[in-house]
Structures are given as structure tokens and as C-alpha cells.
Amino acid sequence: ENYNERVLPSIIHETLKAVVAQYNASQLITQR
């Protein structure tokens, strides 16, 4: 029943780290 707590945190953290690593800090602002 608590599927959100089991799935979302892990896939969101992994996705954010994978995407952010592809951009420079300035690009994260200009290409938000």
C-alpha cells in the first residue's frame, strides 16, 4: 500500500544525479 515511499525517493534521487551530472552549473540556470 505504501508504494510511493518505496519507489519514488530512490528513482528521483538517481534520476536527478544522472541528469545534473550532464550539465555545468551555469547551464542548469540558463537551460532550466
PDB file of all heavy atoms in Angstrom:
ATOM      1  N   GLU A   1       0.811  -1.212   0.000  1.00  0.00           N
ATOM      2  CA  GLU A   1       0.000   0.000   0.000  1.00  0.00           C
ATOM      3  C   GLU A   1       0.846   1.264   0.000  1.00  0.00           C
ATOM      4  O   GLU A   1       0.448   2.277  -0.554  1.00  0.00           O
ATOM      5  CB  GLU A   1      -0.940  -0.018   1.217  1.00  0.00           C
ATOM      6  CG  GLU A   1      -1.956  -1.151   1.200  1.00  0.00           C
ATOM      7  CD  GLU A   1      -2.933  -1.065   2.349  1.00  0.00           C
ATOM      8  OE1 GLU A   1      -3.584  -0.005   2.490  1.00  0.00           O
ATOM      9  OE2 GLU A   1      -3.047  -2.047   3.112  1.00  0.00           O
ATOM     10  N   ASN A   2       1.998   1.272   0.631  1.00  0.00           N
ATOM     11  CA  ASN A   2       2.858   2.454   0.665  1.00  0.00           C
ATOM     12  C   ASN A   2       3.880   2.396  -0.471  1.00  0.00           C
ATOM     13  O   ASN A   2       5.096   2.470  -0.266  1.00  0.00           O
ATOM     14  CB  ASN A   2       3.561   2.572   2.014  1.00  0.00           C
ATOM     15  CG  ASN A   2       4.362   1.328   2.342  1.00  0.00           C
ATOM     16  OD1 ASN A   2       4.140   0.266   1.761  1.00  0.00           O
ATOM     17  ND2 ASN A   2       5.294   1.451   3.276  1.00  0.00           N
ATOM     18  N   TYR A   3       3.361   2.273  -1.698  1.00  0.00           N
ATOM     19  CA  TYR A   3       4.236   2.113  -2.867  1.00  0.00           C
ATOM     20  C   TYR A   3       5.046   3.382  -3.132  1.00  0.00           C
ATOM     21  O   TYR A   3       6.184   3.316  -3.625  1.00  0.00           O
ATOM     22  CB  TYR A   3       3.384   1.767  -4.090  1.00  0.00           C
ATOM     23  CG  TYR A   3       2.359   2.809  -4.446  1.00  0.00           C
ATOM     24  CD1 TYR A   3       2.637   3.801  -5.364  1.00  0.00           C
ATOM     25  CD2 TYR A   3       1.105   2.800  -3.840  1.00  0.00           C
ATOM     26  CE1 TYR A   3       1.691   4.761  -5.672  1.00  0.00           C
ATOM     27  CE2 TYR A   3       0.162   3.745  -4.146  1.00  0.00           C
ATOM     28  CZ  TYR A   3       0.457   4.740  -5.069  1.00  0.00           C
ATOM     29  OH  TYR A   3      -0.470   5.690  -5.375  1.00  0.00           O
ATOM     30  N   ASN A   4       4.467   4.566  -2.843  1.00  0.00           N
ATOM     31  CA  ASN A   4       5.180   5.824  -3.112  1.00  0.00           C
ATOM     32  C   ASN A   4       6.477   5.916  -2.315  1.00  0.00           C
ATOM     33  O   ASN A   4       7.533   6.282  -2.850  1.00  0.00           O
ATOM     34  CB  ASN A   4       4.278   7.014  -2.777  1.00  0.00           C
ATOM     35  CG  ASN A   4       3.277   7.301  -3.880  1.00  0.00           C
ATOM     36  OD1 ASN A   4       3.550   7.020  -5.044  1.00  0.00           O
ATOM     37  ND2 ASN A   4       2.133   7.845  -3.528  1.00  0.00           N
ATOM     38  N   GLU A   5       6.398   5.599  -1.025  1.00  0.00           N
ATOM     39  CA  GLU A   5       7.599   5.690  -0.180  1.00  0.00           C
ATOM     40  C   GLU A   5       8.656   4.675  -0.573  1.00  0.00           C
ATOM     41  O   GLU A   5       9.843   4.874  -0.303  1.00  0.00           O
ATOM     42  CB  GLU A   5       7.215   5.508   1.295  1.00  0.00           C
ATOM     43  CG  GLU A   5       6.457   6.679   1.911  1.00  0.00           C
ATOM     44  CD  GLU A   5       5.017   6.778   1.417  1.00  0.00           C
ATOM     45  OE1 GLU A   5       4.554   5.785   0.804  1.00  0.00           O
ATOM     46  OE2 GLU A   5       4.366   7.811   1.644  1.00  0.00           O
ATOM     47  N   ARG A   6       8.253   3.589  -1.175  1.00  0.00           N
ATOM     48  CA  ARG A   6       9.217   2.554  -1.550  1.00  0.00           C
ATOM     49  C   ARG A   6       9.888   2.825  -2.891  1.00  0.00           C
ATOM     50  O   ARG A   6      11.016   2.390  -3.118  1.00  0.00           O
ATOM     51  CB  ARG A   6       8.521   1.197  -1.611  1.00  0.00           C
ATOM     52  CG  ARG A   6       8.006   0.717  -0.272  1.00  0.00           C
ATOM     53  CD  ARG A   6       7.498  -0.705  -0.354  1.00  0.00           C
ATOM     54  NE  ARG A   6       7.043  -1.199   0.941  1.00  0.00           N
ATOM     55  CZ  ARG A   6       6.668  -2.453   1.172  1.00  0.00           C
ATOM     56  NH1 ARG A   6       6.677  -3.332   0.170  1.00  0.00           N
ATOM     57  NH2 ARG A   6       6.272  -2.823   2.369  1.00  0.00           N
ATOM     58  N   VAL A   7       9.198   3.535  -3.783  1.00  0.00           N
ATOM     59  CA  VAL A   7       9.697   3.682  -5.151  1.00  0.00           C
ATOM     60  C   VAL A   7      10.225   5.079  -5.444  1.00  0.00           C
ATOM     61  O   VAL A   7      11.351   5.250  -5.933  1.00  0.00           O
ATOM     62  CB  VAL A   7       8.587   3.317  -6.166  1.00  0.00           C
ATOM     63  CG1 VAL A   7       9.037   3.610  -7.594  1.00  0.00           C
ATOM     64  CG2 VAL A   7       8.205   1.856  -6.012  1.00  0.00           C
ATOM     65  N   LEU A   8       9.414   6.106  -5.153  1.00  0.00           N
ATOM     66  CA  LEU A   8       9.727   7.459  -5.619  1.00  0.00           C
ATOM     67  C   LEU A   8      11.064   8.008  -5.117  1.00  0.00           C
ATOM     68  O   LEU A   8      11.838   8.554  -5.913  1.00  0.00           O
ATOM     69  CB  LEU A   8       8.584   8.405  -5.235  1.00  0.00           C
ATOM     70  CG  LEU A   8       7.270   8.196  -5.991  1.00  0.00           C
ATOM     71  CD1 LEU A   8       6.227   9.199  -5.539  1.00  0.00           C
ATOM     72  CD2 LEU A   8       7.493   8.308  -7.487  1.00  0.00           C
ATOM     73  N   PRO A   9      11.391   7.928  -3.816  1.00  0.00           N
ATOM     74  CA  PRO A   9      12.666   8.521  -3.392  1.00  0.00           C
ATOM     75  C   PRO A   9      13.867   7.961  -4.140  1.00  0.00           C
ATOM     76  O   PRO A   9      14.763   8.717  -4.552  1.00  0.00           O
ATOM     77  CB  PRO A   9      12.722   8.197  -1.897  1.00  0.00           C
ATOM     78  CG  PRO A   9      11.300   8.029  -1.492  1.00  0.00           C
ATOM     79  CD  PRO A   9      10.620   7.401  -2.667  1.00  0.00           C
ATOM     80  N   SER A  10      13.916   6.674  -4.343  1.00  0.00           N
ATOM     81  CA  SER A  10      15.088   6.078  -4.988  1.00  0.00           C
ATOM     82  C   SER A  10      15.205   6.484  -6.450  1.00  0.00           C
ATOM     83  O   SER A  10      16.281   6.899  -6.913  1.00  0.00           O
ATOM     84  CB  SER A  10      15.019   4.549  -4.868  1.00  0.00           C
ATOM     85  OG  SER A  10      13.839   4.052  -5.499  1.00  0.00           O
ATOM     86  N   ILE A  11      14.105   6.400  -7.205  1.00  0.00           N
ATOM     87  CA  ILE A  11      14.206   6.724  -8.636  1.00  0.00           C
ATOM     88  C   ILE A  11      14.390   8.226  -8.854  1.00  0.00           C
ATOM     89  O   ILE A  11      15.058   8.635  -9.811  1.00  0.00           O
ATOM     90  CB  ILE A  11      12.995   6.195  -9.420  1.00  0.00           C
ATOM     91  CG1 ILE A  11      11.702   6.887  -8.981  1.00  0.00           C
ATOM     92  CG2 ILE A  11      12.864   4.697  -9.262  1.00  0.00           C
ATOM     93  CD1 ILE A  11      10.495   6.503  -9.814  1.00  0.00           C
ATOM     94  N   ILE A  12      13.836   9.070  -7.976  1.00  0.00           N
ATOM     95  CA  ILE A  12      14.007  10.514  -8.135  1.00  0.00           C
ATOM     96  C   ILE A  12      15.447  10.913  -7.854  1.00  0.00           C
ATOM     97  O   ILE A  12      16.059  11.669  -8.619  1.00  0.00           O
ATOM     98  CB  ILE A  12      13.029  11.273  -7.210  1.00  0.00           C
ATOM     99  CG1 ILE A  12      11.597  11.125  -7.726  1.00  0.00           C
ATOM    100  CG2 ILE A  12      13.397  12.746  -7.139  1.00  0.00           C
ATOM    101  CD1 ILE A  12      10.554  11.782  -6.840  1.00  0.00           C
ATOM    102  N   HIS A  13      16.037  10.421  -6.772  1.00  0.00           N
ATOM    103  CA  HIS A  13      17.432  10.758  -6.460  1.00  0.00           C
ATOM    104  C   HIS A  13      18.363  10.271  -7.569  1.00  0.00           C
ATOM    105  O   HIS A  13      19.277  11.005  -7.993  1.00  0.00           O
ATOM    106  CB  HIS A  13      17.828  10.134  -5.120  1.00  0.00           C
ATOM    107  CG  HIS A  13      17.255  10.844  -3.934  1.00  0.00           C
ATOM    108  ND1 HIS A  13      17.616  12.120  -3.576  1.00  0.00           N
ATOM    109  CD2 HIS A  13      16.320  10.452  -3.020  1.00  0.00           C
ATOM    110  CE1 HIS A  13      16.951  12.484  -2.499  1.00  0.00           C
ATOM    111  NE2 HIS A  13      16.150  11.485  -2.137  1.00  0.00           N
ATOM    112  N   GLU A  14      18.156   9.074  -8.036  1.00  0.00           N
ATOM    113  CA  GLU A  14      19.025   8.534  -9.093  1.00  0.00           C
ATOM    114  C   GLU A  14      18.888   9.342 -10.375  1.00  0.00           C
ATOM    115  O   GLU A  14      19.885   9.640 -11.049  1.00  0.00           O
ATOM    116  CB  GLU A  14      18.666   7.073  -9.340  1.00  0.00           C
ATOM    117  CG  GLU A  14      19.568   6.394 -10.369  1.00  0.00           C
ATOM    118  CD  GLU A  14      19.180   4.944 -10.578  1.00  0.00           C
ATOM    119  OE1 GLU A  14      18.299   4.446  -9.862  1.00  0.00           O
ATOM    120  OE2 GLU A  14      19.774   4.319 -11.484  1.00  0.00           O
ATOM    121  N   THR A  15      17.659   9.723 -10.734  1.00  0.00           N
ATOM    122  CA  THR A  15      17.446  10.492 -11.962  1.00  0.00           C
ATOM    123  C   THR A  15      18.064  11.875 -11.861  1.00  0.00           C
ATOM    124  O   THR A  15      18.702  12.358 -12.807  1.00  0.00           O
ATOM    125  CB  THR A  15      15.943  10.602 -12.252  1.00  0.00           C
ATOM    126  OG1 THR A  15      15.382   9.297 -12.382  1.00  0.00           O
ATOM    127  CG2 THR A  15      15.695  11.380 -13.527  1.00  0.00           C
ATOM    128  N   LEU A  16      17.890  12.531 -10.727  1.00  0.00           N
ATOM    129  CA  LEU A  16      18.461  13.867 -10.556  1.00  0.00           C
ATOM    130  C   LEU A  16      19.980  13.842 -10.659  1.00  0.00           C
ATOM    131  O   LEU A  16      20.582  14.696 -11.316  1.00  0.00           O
ATOM    132  CB  LEU A  16      18.031  14.450  -9.207  1.00  0.00           C
ATOM    133  CG  LEU A  16      16.564  14.892  -9.085  1.00  0.00           C
ATOM    134  CD1 LEU A  16      16.279  15.385  -7.675  1.00  0.00           C
ATOM    135  CD2 LEU A  16      16.252  15.969 -10.093  1.00  0.00           C
ATOM    136  N   LYS A  17      20.605  12.886 -10.031  1.00  0.00           N
ATOM    137  CA  LYS A  17      22.066  12.806 -10.090  1.00  0.00           C
ATOM    138  C   LYS A  17      22.545  12.539 -11.518  1.00  0.00           C
ATOM    139  O   LYS A  17      23.564  13.095 -11.960  1.00  0.00           O
ATOM    140  CB  LYS A  17      22.559  11.716  -9.140  1.00  0.00           C
ATOM    141  CG  LYS A  17      22.344  12.024  -7.664  1.00  0.00           C
ATOM    142  CD  LYS A  17      22.876  10.925  -6.774  1.00  0.00           C
ATOM    143  CE  LYS A  17      22.590  11.213  -5.304  1.00  0.00           C
ATOM    144  NZ  LYS A  17      23.235  12.447  -4.843  1.00  0.00           N
ATOM    145  N   ALA A  18      21.820  11.691 -12.245  1.00  0.00           N
ATOM    146  CA  ALA A  18      22.228  11.362 -13.613  1.00  0.00           C
ATOM    147  C   ALA A  18      22.076  12.559 -14.543  1.00  0.00           C
ATOM    148  O   ALA A  18      22.928  12.808 -15.414  1.00  0.00           O
ATOM    149  CB  ALA A  18      21.411  10.183 -14.133  1.00  0.00           C
ATOM    150  N   VAL A  19      20.994  13.325 -14.385  1.00  0.00           N
ATOM    151  CA  VAL A  19      20.745  14.459 -15.281  1.00  0.00           C
ATOM    152  C   VAL A  19      21.645  15.643 -14.941  1.00  0.00           C
ATOM    153  O   VAL A  19      22.227  16.274 -15.829  1.00  0.00           O
ATOM    154  CB  VAL A  19      19.258  14.864 -15.222  1.00  0.00           C
ATOM    155  CG1 VAL A  19      19.021  16.136 -16.033  1.00  0.00           C
ATOM    156  CG2 VAL A  19      18.390  13.737 -15.762  1.00  0.00           C
ATOM    157  N   VAL A  20      21.774  15.958 -13.656  1.00  0.00           N
ATOM    158  CA  VAL A  20      22.585  17.111 -13.253  1.00  0.00           C
ATOM    159  C   VAL A  20      24.047  16.919 -13.654  1.00  0.00           C
ATOM    160  O   VAL A  20      24.735  17.879 -14.018  1.00  0.00           O
ATOM    161  CB  VAL A  20      22.454  17.337 -11.731  1.00  0.00           C
ATOM    162  CG1 VAL A  20      23.454  18.381 -11.247  1.00  0.00           C
ATOM    163  CG2 VAL A  20      21.041  17.778 -11.399  1.00  0.00           C
ATOM    164  N   ALA A  21      24.524  15.701 -13.631  1.00  0.00           N
ATOM    165  CA  ALA A  21      25.929  15.440 -13.989  1.00  0.00           C
ATOM    166  C   ALA A  21      26.220  15.740 -15.462  1.00  0.00           C
ATOM    167  O   ALA A  21      27.385  15.843 -15.840  1.00  0.00           O
ATOM    168  CB  ALA A  21      26.275  13.983 -13.683  1.00  0.00           C
ATOM    169  N   GLN A  22      25.197  15.914 -16.290  1.00  0.00           N
ATOM    170  CA  GLN A  22      25.403  16.186 -17.711  1.00  0.00           C
ATOM    171  C   GLN A  22      25.526  17.677 -18.017  1.00  0.00           C
ATOM    172  O   GLN A  22      25.846  18.048 -19.139  1.00  0.00           O
ATOM    173  CB  GLN A  22      24.239  15.610 -18.522  1.00  0.00           C
ATOM    174  CG  GLN A  22      24.073  14.103 -18.379  1.00  0.00           C
ATOM    175  CD  GLN A  22      22.859  13.590 -19.118  1.00  0.00           C
ATOM    176  OE1 GLN A  22      22.227  14.306 -19.886  1.00  0.00           O
ATOM    177  NE2 GLN A  22      22.519  12.322 -18.895  1.00  0.00           N
ATOM    178  N   TYR A  23      25.277  18.551 -17.039  1.00  0.00           N
ATOM    179  CA  TYR A  23      25.264  19.992 -17.266  1.00  0.00           C
ATOM    180  C   TYR A  23      26.254  20.684 -16.337  1.00  0.00           C
ATOM    181  O   TYR A  23      26.513  20.217 -15.226  1.00  0.00           O
ATOM    182  CB  TYR A  23      23.868  20.569 -17.010  1.00  0.00           C
ATOM    183  CG  TYR A  23      22.815  20.096 -17.986  1.00  0.00           C
ATOM    184  CD1 TYR A  23      22.094  18.925 -17.759  1.00  0.00           C
ATOM    185  CD2 TYR A  23      22.535  20.823 -19.139  1.00  0.00           C
ATOM    186  CE1 TYR A  23      21.119  18.488 -18.642  1.00  0.00           C
ATOM    187  CE2 TYR A  23      21.560  20.394 -20.028  1.00  0.00           C
ATOM    188  CZ  TYR A  23      20.861  19.231 -19.779  1.00  0.00           C
ATOM    189  OH  TYR A  23      19.899  18.800 -20.659  1.00  0.00           O
ATOM    190  N   ASN A  24      26.784  21.826 -16.834  1.00  0.00           N
ATOM    191  CA  ASN A  24      27.552  22.702 -15.963  1.00  0.00           C
ATOM    192  C   ASN A  24      26.600  23.475 -15.059  1.00  0.00           C
ATOM    193  O   ASN A  24      25.396  23.550 -15.316  1.00  0.00           O
ATOM    194  CB  ASN A  24      28.395  23.681 -16.779  1.00  0.00           C
ATOM    195  CG  ASN A  24      29.486  22.967 -17.554  1.00  0.00           C
ATOM    196  OD1 ASN A  24      29.976  21.927 -17.130  1.00  0.00           O
ATOM    197  ND2 ASN A  24      29.852  23.513 -18.702  1.00  0.00           N
ATOM    198  N   ALA A  25      27.165  24.071 -14.017  1.00  0.00           N
ATOM    199  CA  ALA A  25      26.319  24.814 -13.075  1.00  0.00           C
ATOM    200  C   ALA A  25      25.616  25.979 -13.764  1.00  0.00           C
ATOM    201  O   ALA A  25      24.442  26.246 -13.509  1.00  0.00           O
ATOM    202  CB  ALA A  25      27.172  25.318 -11.906  1.00  0.00           C
ATOM    203  N   SER A  26      26.330  26.674 -14.650  1.00  0.00           N
ATOM    204  CA  SER A  26      25.704  27.796 -15.359  1.00  0.00           C
ATOM    205  C   SER A  26      24.618  27.316 -16.314  1.00  0.00           C
ATOM    206  O   SER A  26      23.593  27.991 -16.491  1.00  0.00           O
ATOM    207  CB  SER A  26      26.766  28.583 -16.127  1.00  0.00           C
ATOM    208  OG  SER A  26      27.438  27.730 -17.056  1.00  0.00           O
ATOM    209  N   GLN A  27      24.795  26.146 -16.920  1.00  0.00           N
ATOM    210  CA  GLN A  27      23.788  25.617 -17.830  1.00  0.00           C
ATOM    211  C   GLN A  27      22.513  25.213 -17.088  1.00  0.00           C
ATOM    212  O   GLN A  27      21.417  25.266 -17.655  1.00  0.00           O
ATOM    213  CB  GLN A  27      24.346  24.414 -18.588  1.00  0.00           C
ATOM    214  CG  GLN A  27      25.452  24.768 -19.572  1.00  0.00           C
ATOM    215  CD  GLN A  27      26.046  23.531 -20.227  1.00  0.00           C
ATOM    216  OE1 GLN A  27      25.953  22.424 -19.690  1.00  0.00           O
ATOM    217  NE2 GLN A  27      26.660  23.726 -21.381  1.00  0.00           N
ATOM    218  N   LEU A  28      22.644  24.804 -15.846  1.00  0.00           N
ATOM    219  CA  LEU A  28      21.455  24.464 -15.061  1.00  0.00           C
ATOM    220  C   LEU A  28      20.554  25.681 -14.875  1.00  0.00           C
ATOM    221  O   LEU A  28      19.337  25.548 -14.717  1.00  0.00           O
ATOM    222  CB  LEU A  28      21.859  23.913 -13.698  1.00  0.00           C
ATOM    223  CG  LEU A  28      22.560  22.551 -13.709  1.00  0.00           C
ATOM    224  CD1 LEU A  28      23.025  22.185 -12.312  1.00  0.00           C
ATOM    225  CD2 LEU A  28      21.648  21.464 -14.256  1.00  0.00           C
ATOM    226  N   ILE A  29      21.153  26.882 -14.913  1.00  0.00           N
ATOM    227  CA  ILE A  29      20.362  28.107 -14.777  1.00  0.00           C
ATOM    228  C   ILE A  29      19.803  28.541 -16.124  1.00  0.00           C
ATOM    229  O   ILE A  29      18.613  28.826 -16.255  1.00  0.00           O
ATOM    230  CB  ILE A  29      21.226  29.228 -14.158  1.00  0.00           C
ATOM    231  CG1 ILE A  29      21.724  28.797 -12.768  1.00  0.00           C
ATOM    232  CG2 ILE A  29      20.446  30.526 -14.063  1.00  0.00           C
ATOM    233  CD1 ILE A  29      22.678  29.786 -12.142  1.00  0.00           C
ATOM    234  N   THR A  30      20.663  28.581 -17.134  1.00  0.00           N
ATOM    235  CA  THR A  30      20.228  29.081 -18.443  1.00  0.00           C
ATOM    236  C   THR A  30      19.367  28.078 -19.202  1.00  0.00           C
ATOM    237  O   THR A  30      18.547  28.481 -20.031  1.00  0.00           O
ATOM    238  CB  THR A  30      21.461  29.439 -19.287  1.00  0.00           C
ATOM    239  OG1 THR A  30      22.305  28.269 -19.432  1.00  0.00           O
ATOM    240  CG2 THR A  30      22.275  30.532 -18.611  1.00  0.00           C
ATOM    241  N   GLN A  31      19.533  26.785 -18.934  1.00  0.00           N
ATOM    242  CA  GLN A  31      18.765  25.751 -19.643  1.00  0.00           C
ATOM    243  C   GLN A  31      17.855  24.988 -18.670  1.00  0.00           C
ATOM    244  O   GLN A  31      17.698  23.779 -18.771  1.00  0.00           O
ATOM    245  CB  GLN A  31      19.718  24.779 -20.345  1.00  0.00           C
ATOM    246  CG  GLN A  31      20.655  25.451 -21.328  1.00  0.00           C
ATOM    247  CD  GLN A  31      21.576  24.467 -22.007  1.00  0.00           C
ATOM    248  OE1 GLN A  31      21.311  23.267 -22.068  1.00  0.00           O
ATOM    249  NE2 GLN A  31      22.684  24.967 -22.522  1.00  0.00           N
ATOM    250  N   ARG A  32      17.255  25.718 -17.775  1.00  0.00           N
ATOM    251  CA  ARG A  32      16.431  25.084 -16.733  1.00  0.00           C
ATOM    252  C   ARG A  32      15.247  24.325 -17.340  1.00  0.00           C
ATOM    253  O   ARG A  32      14.894  23.243 -16.871  1.00  0.00           O
ATOM    254  CB  ARG A  32      15.942  26.157 -15.773  1.00  0.00           C
ATOM    255  CG  ARG A  32      15.111  25.615 -14.621  1.00  0.00           C
ATOM    256  CD  ARG A  32      14.930  26.666 -13.555  1.00  0.00           C
ATOM    257  NE  ARG A  32      14.117  26.192 -12.444  1.00  0.00           N
ATOM    258  CZ  ARG A  32      14.007  26.828 -11.286  1.00  0.00           C
ATOM    259  NH1 ARG A  32      14.660  27.961 -11.098  1.00  0.00           N
ATOM    260  NH2 ARG A  32      13.251  26.343 -10.322  1.00  0.00           N
TER     261      ARG A  32
END
